[in-house]
């Protein structure tokens, strides 16, 4: 393996590790209030919503809330599967199967 490739791999490892480890090391020594912990519990939901909303609602650069938007239609049974089953695996399978079936029909 070339030395440059190894240096790039190590560099990528460092820049991936530091942002994950630094907050953990700093925050593990602090007492965080219950209110702050409650507020932080909403961060994953907010990030997931910010990632999913454009993918589900925008098609070809335009807002698409029509029946031709298969991603949005597949999200409905996926949401229901996740809500009732609490299983990520089952939710993903339902979403994939629904999307494949919708793409065959629409």
PDB file of N, CA and C in Angstrom:
ATOM      1  N   UNK A   1       0.846  -1.180   0.000  1.00  0.00           N
ATOM      2  CA  UNK A   1       0.000   0.000   0.000  1.00  0.00           C
ATOM      3  C   UNK A   1       0.887   1.237   0.000  1.00  0.00           C
ATOM      4  N   UNK A   2       0.482   2.218  -0.774  1.00  0.00           N
ATOM      5  CA  UNK A   2       1.218   3.465  -0.896  1.00  0.00           C
ATOM      6  C   UNK A   2       1.147   4.239   0.421  1.00  0.00           C
ATOM      7  N   UNK A   3       2.220   4.962   0.756  1.00  0.00           N
ATOM      8  CA  UNK A   3       2.276   5.738   1.996  1.00  0.00           C
ATOM      9  C   UNK A   3       1.226   6.839   2.038  1.00  0.00           C
ATOM     10  N   UNK A   4       0.910   7.421   0.876  1.00  0.00           N
ATOM     11  CA  UNK A   4      -0.094   8.484   0.828  1.00  0.00           C
ATOM     12  C   UNK A   4      -1.478   7.934   1.140  1.00  0.00           C
ATOM     13  N   UNK A   5      -1.761   6.758   0.629  1.00  0.00           N
ATOM     14  CA  UNK A   5      -3.062   6.141   0.888  1.00  0.00           C
ATOM     15  C   UNK A   5      -3.212   5.843   2.371  1.00  0.00           C
ATOM     16  N   UNK A   6      -2.172   5.314   2.978  1.00  0.00           N
ATOM     17  CA  UNK A   6      -2.200   5.018   4.404  1.00  0.00           C
ATOM     18  C   UNK A   6      -2.371   6.302   5.212  1.00  0.00           C
ATOM     19  N   UNK A   7      -1.691   7.374   4.821  1.00  0.00           N
ATOM     20  CA  UNK A   7      -1.807   8.660   5.516  1.00  0.00           C
ATOM     21  C   UNK A   7      -3.237   9.205   5.398  1.00  0.00           C
ATOM     22  N   UNK A   8      -3.841   9.062   4.234  1.00  0.00           N
ATOM     23  CA  UNK A   8      -5.218   9.524   4.051  1.00  0.00           C
ATOM     24  C   UNK A   8      -6.182   8.711   4.911  1.00  0.00           C
ATOM     25  N   UNK A   9      -5.985   7.406   4.964  1.00  0.00           N
ATOM     26  CA  UNK A   9      -6.851   6.546   5.785  1.00  0.00           C
ATOM     27  C   UNK A   9      -6.718   6.916   7.257  1.00  0.00           C
ATOM     28  N   UNK A  10      -5.498   7.116   7.725  1.00  0.00           N
ATOM     29  CA  UNK A  10      -5.291   7.494   9.124  1.00  0.00           C
ATOM     30  C   UNK A  10      -5.870   8.873   9.392  1.00  0.00           C
ATOM     31  N   UNK A  11      -5.682   9.797   8.475  1.00  0.00           N
ATOM     32  CA  UNK A  11      -6.250  11.139   8.628  1.00  0.00           C
ATOM     33  C   UNK A  11      -7.767  11.118   8.699  1.00  0.00           C
ATOM     34  N   UNK A  12      -8.392  10.318   7.846  1.00  0.00           N
ATOM     35  CA  UNK A  12      -9.842  10.204   7.877  1.00  0.00           C
ATOM     36  C   UNK A  12     -10.306   9.569   9.182  1.00  0.00           C
ATOM     37  N   UNK A  13      -9.533   8.617   9.687  1.00  0.00           N
ATOM     38  CA  UNK A  13      -9.868   7.980  10.952  1.00  0.00           C
ATOM     39  C   UNK A  13      -9.819   9.007  12.092  1.00  0.00           C
ATOM     40  N   UNK A  14      -8.809   9.859  12.084  1.00  0.00           N
ATOM     41  CA  UNK A  14      -8.664  10.868  13.135  1.00  0.00           C
ATOM     42  C   UNK A  14      -9.791  11.888  13.081  1.00  0.00           C
ATOM     43  N   UNK A  15     -10.097  12.413  11.889  1.00  0.00           N
ATOM     44  CA  UNK A  15     -11.149  13.436  11.802  1.00  0.00           C
ATOM     45  C   UNK A  15     -12.537  12.853  12.035  1.00  0.00           C
ATOM     46  N   UNK A  16     -12.688  11.553  11.937  1.00  0.00           N
ATOM     47  CA  UNK A  16     -13.963  10.923  12.284  1.00  0.00           C
ATOM     48  C   UNK A  16     -14.027  10.657  13.784  1.00  0.00           C
ATOM     49  N   UNK A  17     -12.928  10.279  14.372  1.00  0.00           N
ATOM     50  CA  UNK A  17     -12.888   9.896  15.783  1.00  0.00           C
ATOM     51  C   UNK A  17     -12.978  11.107  16.713  1.00  0.00           C
ATOM     52  N   UNK A  18     -12.263  12.173  16.404  1.00  0.00           N
ATOM     53  CA  UNK A  18     -12.196  13.333  17.301  1.00  0.00           C
ATOM     54  C   UNK A  18     -13.572  13.961  17.544  1.00  0.00           C
ATOM     55  N   UNK A  19     -14.384  14.252  16.522  1.00  0.00           N
ATOM     56  CA  UNK A  19     -15.688  14.857  16.824  1.00  0.00           C
ATOM     57  C   UNK A  19     -16.614  13.942  17.622  1.00  0.00           C
ATOM     58  N   UNK A  20     -16.367  12.667  17.606  1.00  0.00           N
ATOM     59  CA  UNK A  20     -17.194  11.746  18.392  1.00  0.00           C
ATOM     60  C   UNK A  20     -16.669  11.625  19.820  1.00  0.00           C
ATOM     61  N   UNK A  21     -15.368  11.589  19.976  1.00  0.00           N
ATOM     62  CA  UNK A  21     -14.777  11.343  21.283  1.00  0.00           C
ATOM     63  C   UNK A  21     -14.665  12.601  22.128  1.00  0.00           C
ATOM     64  N   UNK A  22     -14.386  13.744  21.520  1.00  0.00           N
ATOM     65  CA  UNK A  22     -14.168  14.977  22.277  1.00  0.00           C
ATOM     66  C   UNK A  22     -15.389  15.378  23.108  1.00  0.00           C
ATOM     67  N   UNK A  23     -16.591  15.446  22.535  1.00  0.00           N
ATOM     68  CA  UNK A  23     -17.755  15.788  23.384  1.00  0.00           C
ATOM     69  C   UNK A  23     -18.003  14.748  24.470  1.00  0.00           C
ATOM     70  N   UNK A  24     -17.773  13.491  24.157  1.00  0.00           N
ATOM     71  CA  UNK A  24     -17.962  12.438  25.153  1.00  0.00           C
ATOM     72  C   UNK A  24     -16.995  12.624  26.320  1.00  0.00           C
ATOM     73  N   UNK A  25     -15.743  12.924  26.022  1.00  0.00           N
ATOM     74  CA  UNK A  25     -14.741  13.118  27.075  1.00  0.00           C
ATOM     75  C   UNK A  25     -15.046  14.356  27.903  1.00  0.00           C
ATOM     76  N   UNK A  26     -15.472  15.427  27.264  1.00  0.00           N
ATOM     77  CA  UNK A  26     -15.752  16.673  27.987  1.00  0.00           C
ATOM     78  C   UNK A  26     -17.048  16.552  28.790  1.00  0.00           C
ATOM     79  N   UNK A  27     -18.107  16.067  28.156  1.00  0.00           N
ATOM     80  CA  UNK A  27     -19.404  16.016  28.828  1.00  0.00           C
ATOM     81  C   UNK A  27     -19.489  14.939  29.901  1.00  0.00           C
ATOM     82  N   UNK A  28     -18.637  13.930  29.848  1.00  0.00           N
ATOM     83  CA  UNK A  28     -18.691  12.881  30.864  1.00  0.00           C
ATOM     84  C   UNK A  28     -18.226  13.395  32.221  1.00  0.00           C
ATOM     85  N   UNK A  29     -17.519  14.500  32.249  1.00  0.00           N
ATOM     86  CA  UNK A  29     -17.022  15.081  33.507  1.00  0.00           C
ATOM     87  C   UNK A  29     -17.929  16.184  34.030  1.00  0.00           C
ATOM     88  N   UNK A  30     -18.976  16.491  33.300  1.00  0.00           N
ATOM     89  CA  UNK A  30     -19.882  17.570  33.707  1.00  0.00           C
ATOM     90  C   UNK A  30     -21.194  16.998  34.208  1.00  0.00           C
ATOM     91  N   UNK A  31     -21.813  17.728  35.113  1.00  0.00           N
ATOM     92  CA  UNK A  31     -23.163  17.387  35.538  1.00  0.00           C
ATOM     93  C   UNK A  31     -24.140  18.137  34.652  1.00  0.00           C
ATOM     94  N   UNK A  32     -24.928  17.412  33.905  1.00  0.00           N
ATOM     95  CA  UNK A  32     -25.882  18.025  32.977  1.00  0.00           C
ATOM     96  C   UNK A  32     -27.257  17.990  33.627  1.00  0.00           C
ATOM     97  N   UNK A  33     -27.926  19.129  33.598  1.00  0.00           N
ATOM     98  CA  UNK A  33     -29.234  19.228  34.250  1.00  0.00           C
ATOM     99  C   UNK A  33     -30.256  18.346  33.541  1.00  0.00           C
ATOM    100  N   UNK A  34     -31.297  18.028  34.282  1.00  0.00           N
ATOM    101  CA  UNK A  34     -32.361  17.195  33.731  1.00  0.00           C
ATOM    102  C   UNK A  34     -33.053  17.895  32.550  1.00  0.00           C
ATOM    103  N   UNK A  35     -33.225  19.206  32.648  1.00  0.00           N
ATOM    104  CA  UNK A  35     -33.831  19.972  31.559  1.00  0.00           C
ATOM    105  C   UNK A  35     -33.003  19.913  30.279  1.00  0.00           C
ATOM    106  N   UNK A  36     -31.691  20.013  30.439  1.00  0.00           N
ATOM    107  CA  UNK A  36     -30.795  19.929  29.275  1.00  0.00           C
ATOM    108  C   UNK A  36     -30.828  18.531  28.668  1.00  0.00           C
ATOM    109  N   UNK A  37     -30.838  17.511  29.513  1.00  0.00           N
ATOM    110  CA  UNK A  37     -30.924  16.134  29.014  1.00  0.00           C
ATOM    111  C   UNK A  37     -32.239  15.913  28.273  1.00  0.00           C
ATOM    112  N   UNK A  38     -33.321  16.484  28.790  1.00  0.00           N
ATOM    113  CA  UNK A  38     -34.616  16.383  28.125  1.00  0.00           C
ATOM    114  C   UNK A  38     -34.563  17.070  26.763  1.00  0.00           C
ATOM    115  N   UNK A  39     -33.946  18.255  26.713  1.00  0.00           N
ATOM    116  CA  UNK A  39     -33.826  18.985  25.460  1.00  0.00           C
ATOM    117  C   UNK A  39     -32.963  18.208  24.462  1.00  0.00           C
ATOM    118  N   UNK A  40     -31.870  17.628  24.932  1.00  0.00           N
ATOM    119  CA  UNK A  40     -30.982  16.862  24.051  1.00  0.00           C
ATOM    120  C   UNK A  40     -31.647  15.605  23.505  1.00  0.00           C
ATOM    121  N   UNK A  41     -32.663  15.096  24.185  1.00  0.00           N
ATOM    122  CA  UNK A  41     -33.339  13.893  23.702  1.00  0.00           C
ATOM    123  C   UNK A  41     -34.084  14.141  22.390  1.00  0.00           C
ATOM    124  N   UNK A  42     -34.356  15.409  22.068  1.00  0.00           N
ATOM    125  CA  UNK A  42     -35.052  15.736  20.825  1.00  0.00           C
ATOM    126  C   UNK A  42     -34.115  15.885  19.629  1.00  0.00           C
ATOM    127  N   UNK A  43     -32.816  15.919  19.863  1.00  0.00           N
ATOM    128  CA  UNK A  43     -31.851  16.124  18.773  1.00  0.00           C
ATOM    129  C   UNK A  43     -31.922  15.024  17.718  1.00  0.00           C
ATOM    130  N   UNK A  44     -31.929  13.727  18.075  1.00  0.00           N
ATOM    131  CA  UNK A  44     -32.000  12.699  17.028  1.00  0.00           C
ATOM    132  C   UNK A  44     -33.264  12.801  16.169  1.00  0.00           C
ATOM    133  N   UNK A  45     -34.389  13.115  16.781  1.00  0.00           N
ATOM    134  CA  UNK A  45     -35.637  13.246  16.034  1.00  0.00           C
ATOM    135  C   UNK A  45     -35.559  14.430  15.076  1.00  0.00           C
ATOM    136  N   UNK A  46     -34.989  15.532  15.540  1.00  0.00           N
ATOM    137  CA  UNK A  46     -34.862  16.721  14.696  1.00  0.00           C
ATOM    138  C   UNK A  46     -33.926  16.473  13.517  1.00  0.00           C
ATOM    139  N   UNK A  47     -32.818  15.799  13.759  1.00  0.00           N
ATOM    140  CA  UNK A  47     -31.864  15.505  12.680  1.00  0.00           C
ATOM    141  C   UNK A  47     -32.489  14.554  11.667  1.00  0.00           C
ATOM    142  N   UNK A  48     -33.154  13.511  12.149  1.00  0.00           N
ATOM    143  CA  UNK A  48     -33.793  12.567  11.237  1.00  0.00           C
ATOM    144  C   UNK A  48     -34.878  13.250  10.408  1.00  0.00           C
ATOM    145  N   UNK A  49     -35.647  14.120  11.027  1.00  0.00           N
ATOM    146  CA  UNK A  49     -36.684  14.855  10.293  1.00  0.00           C
ATOM    147  C   UNK A  49     -36.069  15.756   9.225  1.00  0.00           C
ATOM    148  N   UNK A  50     -34.983  16.425   9.577  1.00  0.00           N
ATOM    149  CA  UNK A  50     -34.320  17.311   8.611  1.00  0.00           C
ATOM    150  C   UNK A  50     -33.749  16.533   7.438  1.00  0.00           C
ATOM    151  N   UNK A  51     -33.328  15.296   7.670  1.00  0.00           N
ATOM    152  CA  UNK A  51     -32.799  14.477   6.578  1.00  0.00           C
ATOM    153  C   UNK A  51     -33.914  13.875   5.721  1.00  0.00           C
ATOM    154  N   UNK A  52     -35.002  13.467   6.352  1.00  0.00           N
ATOM    155  CA  UNK A  52     -36.070  12.770   5.638  1.00  0.00           C
ATOM    156  C   UNK A  52     -37.038  13.700   4.902  1.00  0.00           C
ATOM    157  N   UNK A  53     -37.355  14.831   5.479  1.00  0.00           N
ATOM    158  CA  UNK A  53     -38.377  15.710   4.904  1.00  0.00           C
ATOM    159  C   UNK A  53     -38.092  16.097   3.445  1.00  0.00           C
ATOM    160  N   UNK A  54     -36.896  16.572   3.109  1.00  0.00           N
ATOM    161  CA  UNK A  54     -36.655  16.916   1.705  1.00  0.00           C
ATOM    162  C   UNK A  54     -36.750  15.702   0.776  1.00  0.00           C
ATOM    163  N   UNK A  55     -36.285  14.543   1.256  1.00  0.00           N
ATOM    164  CA  UNK A  55     -36.313  13.342   0.423  1.00  0.00           C
ATOM    165  C   UNK A  55     -37.745  12.878   0.157  1.00  0.00           C
ATOM    166  N   UNK A  56     -38.600  13.049   1.151  1.00  0.00           N
ATOM    167  CA  UNK A  56     -39.983  12.593   1.015  1.00  0.00           C
ATOM    168  C   UNK A  56     -40.869  13.587   0.290  1.00  0.00           C
ATOM    169  N   UNK A  57     -40.602  14.876   0.448  1.00  0.00           N
ATOM    170  CA  UNK A  57     -41.532  15.895  -0.046  1.00  0.00           C
ATOM    171  C   UNK A  57     -41.101  16.588  -1.327  1.00  0.00           C
ATOM    172  N   UNK A  58     -39.837  16.479  -1.703  1.00  0.00           N
ATOM    173  CA  UNK A  58     -39.356  17.198  -2.885  1.00  0.00           C
ATOM    174  C   UNK A  58     -38.959  16.199  -3.962  1.00  0.00           C
ATOM    175  N   UNK A  59     -39.522  16.388  -5.144  1.00  0.00           N
ATOM    176  CA  UNK A  59     -39.210  15.527  -6.288  1.00  0.00           C
ATOM    177  C   UNK A  59     -38.925  16.431  -7.484  1.00  0.00           C
ATOM    178  N   UNK A  60     -37.789  16.257  -8.108  1.00  0.00           N
ATOM    179  CA  UNK A  60     -37.354  17.074  -9.251  1.00  0.00           C
ATOM    180  C   UNK A  60     -37.336  18.565  -8.910  1.00  0.00           C
ATOM    181  N   UNK A  61     -36.928  18.885  -7.684  1.00  0.00           N
ATOM    182  CA  UNK A  61     -36.806  20.273  -7.276  1.00  0.00           C
ATOM    183  C   UNK A  61     -38.111  20.965  -6.932  1.00  0.00           C
ATOM    184  N   UNK A  62     -39.203  20.246  -6.947  1.00  0.00           N
ATOM    185  CA  UNK A  62     -40.520  20.825  -6.665  1.00  0.00           C
ATOM    186  C   UNK A  62     -41.179  20.078  -5.508  1.00  0.00           C
ATOM    187  N   UNK A  63     -42.003  20.800  -4.756  1.00  0.00           N
ATOM    188  CA  UNK A  63     -42.778  20.166  -3.704  1.00  0.00           C
ATOM    189  C   UNK A  63     -43.739  19.174  -4.340  1.00  0.00           C
ATOM    190  N   UNK A  64     -43.718  17.933  -3.876  1.00  0.00           N
ATOM    191  CA  UNK A  64     -44.541  16.888  -4.475  1.00  0.00           C
ATOM    192  C   UNK A  64     -45.290  16.142  -3.379  1.00  0.00           C
ATOM    193  N   UNK A  65     -46.566  16.478  -3.220  1.00  0.00           N
ATOM    194  CA  UNK A  65     -47.403  15.785  -2.237  1.00  0.00           C
ATOM    195  C   UNK A  65     -48.547  15.071  -2.964  1.00  0.00           C
ATOM    196  N   UNK A  66     -48.208  14.503  -4.115  1.00  0.00           N
ATOM    197  CA  UNK A  66     -49.198  13.841  -4.959  1.00  0.00           C
ATOM    198  C   UNK A  66     -49.013  12.326  -4.902  1.00  0.00           C
ATOM    199  N   UNK A  67     -49.940  11.611  -5.485  1.00  0.00           N
ATOM    200  CA  UNK A  67     -49.886  10.153  -5.477  1.00  0.00           C
ATOM    201  C   UNK A  67     -48.760   9.607  -6.346  1.00  0.00           C
ATOM    202  N   UNK A  68     -48.162  10.427  -7.166  1.00  0.00           N
ATOM    203  CA  UNK A  68     -47.035   9.966  -7.977  1.00  0.00           C
ATOM    204  C   UNK A  68     -45.726   9.938  -7.181  1.00  0.00           C
ATOM    205  N   UNK A  69     -45.713  10.519  -5.997  1.00  0.00           N
ATOM    206  CA  UNK A  69     -44.521  10.528  -5.151  1.00  0.00           C
ATOM    207  C   UNK A  69     -44.483   9.226  -4.351  1.00  0.00           C
ATOM    208  N   UNK A  70     -43.795   8.238  -4.898  1.00  0.00           N
ATOM    209  CA  UNK A  70     -43.774   6.916  -4.274  1.00  0.00           C
ATOM    210  C   UNK A  70     -43.036   6.910  -2.936  1.00  0.00           C
ATOM    211  N   UNK A  71     -42.054   7.789  -2.773  1.00  0.00           N
ATOM    212  CA  UNK A  71     -41.339   7.851  -1.496  1.00  0.00           C
ATOM    213  C   UNK A  71     -42.277   8.281  -0.372  1.00  0.00           C
ATOM    214  N   UNK A  72     -43.083   9.276  -0.649  1.00  0.00           N
ATOM    215  CA  UNK A  72     -44.033   9.745   0.357  1.00  0.00           C
ATOM    216  C   UNK A  72     -45.086   8.687   0.658  1.00  0.00           C
ATOM    217  N   UNK A  73     -45.561   8.012  -0.367  1.00  0.00           N
ATOM    218  CA  UNK A  73     -46.549   6.949  -0.154  1.00  0.00           C
ATOM    219  C   UNK A  73     -45.959   5.776   0.622  1.00  0.00           C
ATOM    220  N   UNK A  74     -44.715   5.430   0.348  1.00  0.00           N
ATOM    221  CA  UNK A  74     -44.068   4.321   1.057  1.00  0.00           C
ATOM    222  C   UNK A  74     -43.766   4.690   2.506  1.00  0.00           C
ATOM    223  N   UNK A  75     -43.648   5.980   2.788  1.00  0.00           N
ATOM    224  CA  UNK A  75     -43.362   6.409   4.156  1.00  0.00           C
ATOM    225  C   UNK A  75     -44.545   6.153   5.086  1.00  0.00           C
ATOM    226  N   UNK A  76     -45.745   6.148   4.555  1.00  0.00           N
ATOM    227  CA  UNK A  76     -46.938   5.971   5.398  1.00  0.00           C
ATOM    228  C   UNK A  76     -46.970   4.586   6.041  1.00  0.00           C
ATOM    229  N   UNK A  77     -46.910   3.492   5.272  1.00  0.00           N
ATOM    230  CA  UNK A  77     -46.888   2.190   5.950  1.00  0.00           C
ATOM    231  C   UNK A  77     -45.601   1.960   6.751  1.00  0.00           C
ATOM    232  N   UNK A  78     -44.515   2.581   6.330  1.00  0.00           N
ATOM    233  CA  UNK A  78     -43.269   2.449   7.095  1.00  0.00           C
ATOM    234  C   UNK A  78     -43.414   3.095   8.469  1.00  0.00           C
ATOM    235  N   UNK A  79     -44.013   4.275   8.487  1.00  0.00           N
ATOM    236  CA  UNK A  79     -44.251   4.957   9.757  1.00  0.00           C
ATOM    237  C   UNK A  79     -45.151   4.116  10.658  1.00  0.00           C
ATOM    238  N   UNK A  80     -46.206   3.586  10.090  1.00  0.00           N
ATOM    239  CA  UNK A  80     -47.127   2.763  10.881  1.00  0.00           C
ATOM    240  C   UNK A  80     -46.448   1.496  11.392  1.00  0.00           C
ATOM    241  N   UNK A  81     -45.631   0.872  10.553  1.00  0.00           N
ATOM    242  CA  UNK A  81     -44.906  -0.336  10.976  1.00  0.00           C
ATOM    243  C   UNK A  81     -43.949  -0.010  12.116  1.00  0.00           C
ATOM    244  N   UNK A  82     -43.260   1.115  12.022  1.00  0.00           N
ATOM    245  CA  UNK A  82     -42.342   1.505  13.081  1.00  0.00           C
ATOM    246  C   UNK A  82     -43.057   1.864  14.365  1.00  0.00           C
ATOM    247  N   UNK A  83     -44.172   2.547  14.227  1.00  0.00           N
ATOM    248  CA  UNK A  83     -44.930   2.968  15.405  1.00  0.00           C
ATOM    249  C   UNK A  83     -45.473   1.770  16.179  1.00  0.00           C
ATOM    250  N   UNK A  84     -46.028   0.812  15.459  1.00  0.00           N
ATOM    251  CA  UNK A  84     -46.657  -0.320  16.139  1.00  0.00           C
ATOM    252  C   UNK A  84     -45.682  -1.436  16.496  1.00  0.00           C
ATOM    253  N   UNK A  85     -44.674  -1.675  15.679  1.00  0.00           N
ATOM    254  CA  UNK A  85     -43.771  -2.800  15.947  1.00  0.00           C
ATOM    255  C   UNK A  85     -42.567  -2.402  16.800  1.00  0.00           C
ATOM    256  N   UNK A  86     -42.151  -1.146  16.736  1.00  0.00           N
ATOM    257  CA  UNK A  86     -40.947  -0.663  17.430  1.00  0.00           C
ATOM    258  C   UNK A  86     -39.698  -1.412  16.976  1.00  0.00           C
ATOM    259  N   UNK A  87     -39.746  -1.962  15.763  1.00  0.00           N
ATOM    260  CA  UNK A  87     -38.626  -2.721  15.211  1.00  0.00           C
ATOM    261  C   UNK A  87     -38.074  -1.984  13.995  1.00  0.00           C
ATOM    262  N   UNK A  88     -36.811  -1.596  14.068  1.00  0.00           N
ATOM    263  CA  UNK A  88     -36.192  -0.904  12.938  1.00  0.00           C
ATOM    264  C   UNK A  88     -36.103  -1.828  11.733  1.00  0.00           C
ATOM    265  N   UNK A  89     -35.736  -3.080  11.964  1.00  0.00           N
ATOM    266  CA  UNK A  89     -35.615  -4.030  10.869  1.00  0.00           C
ATOM    267  C   UNK A  89     -36.949  -4.195  10.134  1.00  0.00           C
ATOM    268  N   UNK A  90     -38.019  -4.411  10.881  1.00  0.00           N
ATOM    269  CA  UNK A  90     -39.341  -4.583  10.265  1.00  0.00           C
ATOM    270  C   UNK A  90     -39.764  -3.314   9.524  1.00  0.00           C
ATOM    271  N   UNK A  91     -39.487  -2.166  10.095  1.00  0.00           N
ATOM    272  CA  UNK A  91     -39.843  -0.893   9.469  1.00  0.00           C
ATOM    273  C   UNK A  91     -39.122  -0.720   8.139  1.00  0.00           C
ATOM    274  N   UNK A  92     -37.830  -1.040   8.117  1.00  0.00           N
ATOM    275  CA  UNK A  92     -37.049  -0.919   6.876  1.00  0.00           C
ATOM    276  C   UNK A  92     -37.564  -1.893   5.825  1.00  0.00           C
ATOM    277  N   UNK A  93     -37.857  -3.122   6.229  1.00  0.00           N
ATOM    278  CA  UNK A  93     -38.373  -4.121   5.281  1.00  0.00           C
ATOM    279  C   UNK A  93     -39.708  -3.663   4.708  1.00  0.00           C
ATOM    280  N   UNK A  94     -40.603  -3.169   5.560  1.00  0.00           N
ATOM    281  CA  UNK A  94     -41.900  -2.681   5.079  1.00  0.00           C
ATOM    282  C   UNK A  94     -41.696  -1.536   4.094  1.00  0.00           C
ATOM    283  N   UNK A  95     -40.793  -0.611   4.405  1.00  0.00           N
ATOM    284  CA  UNK A  95     -40.531   0.512   3.506  1.00  0.00           C
ATOM    285  C   UNK A  95     -39.972   0.066   2.166  1.00  0.00           C
ATOM    286  N   UNK A  96     -39.032  -0.865   2.190  1.00  0.00           N
ATOM    287  CA  UNK A  96     -38.434  -1.340   0.937  1.00  0.00           C
ATOM    288  C   UNK A  96     -39.448  -2.086   0.083  1.00  0.00           C
ATOM    289  N   UNK A  97     -40.198  -2.979   0.702  1.00  0.00           N
ATOM    290  CA  UNK A  97     -41.197  -3.756  -0.045  1.00  0.00           C
ATOM    291  C   UNK A  97     -42.260  -2.828  -0.604  1.00  0.00           C
ATOM    292  N   UNK A  98     -42.718  -1.877   0.201  1.00  0.00           N
ATOM    293  CA  UNK A  98     -43.738  -0.938  -0.267  1.00  0.00           C
ATOM    294  C   UNK A  98     -43.224  -0.104  -1.430  1.00  0.00           C
ATOM    295  N   UNK A  99     -41.991   0.367  -1.339  1.00  0.00           N
ATOM    296  CA  UNK A  99     -41.435   1.184  -2.412  1.00  0.00           C
ATOM    297  C   UNK A  99     -41.290   0.381  -3.709  1.00  0.00           C
ATOM    298  N   UNK A 100     -40.846  -0.862  -3.605  1.00  0.00           N
ATOM    299  CA  UNK A 100     -40.710  -1.704  -4.797  1.00  0.00           C
ATOM    300  C   UNK A 100     -42.082  -1.935  -5.427  1.00  0.00           C
ATOM    301  N   UNK A 101     -43.069  -2.252  -4.607  1.00  0.00           N
ATOM    302  CA  UNK A 101     -44.420  -2.495  -5.139  1.00  0.00           C
ATOM    303  C   UNK A 101     -45.009  -1.231  -5.765  1.00  0.00           C
ATOM    304  N   UNK A 102     -44.812  -0.096  -5.117  1.00  0.00           N
ATOM    305  CA  UNK A 102     -45.332   1.163  -5.676  1.00  0.00           C
ATOM    306  C   UNK A 102     -44.653   1.515  -6.982  1.00  0.00           C
ATOM    307  N   UNK A 103     -43.338   1.269  -7.072  1.00  0.00           N
ATOM    308  CA  UNK A 103     -42.637   1.561  -8.324  1.00  0.00           C
ATOM    309  C   UNK A 103     -43.094   0.657  -9.463  1.00  0.00           C
ATOM    310  N   UNK A 104     -43.582  -0.533  -9.134  1.00  0.00           N
ATOM    311  CA  UNK A 104     -44.125  -1.429 -10.162  1.00  0.00           C
ATOM    312  C   UNK A 104     -45.493  -0.954 -10.633  1.00  0.00           C
ATOM    313  N   UNK A 105     -46.260  -0.358  -9.725  1.00  0.00           N
ATOM    314  CA  UNK A 105     -47.640   0.047 -10.027  1.00  0.00           C
ATOM    315  C   UNK A 105     -47.693   1.444 -10.615  1.00  0.00           C
ATOM    316  N   UNK A 106     -46.983   2.381  -9.997  1.00  0.00           N
ATOM    317  CA  UNK A 106     -47.095   3.799 -10.427  1.00  0.00           C
ATOM    318  C   UNK A 106     -46.151   4.082 -11.570  1.00  0.00           C
TER     319      UNK A 106
END
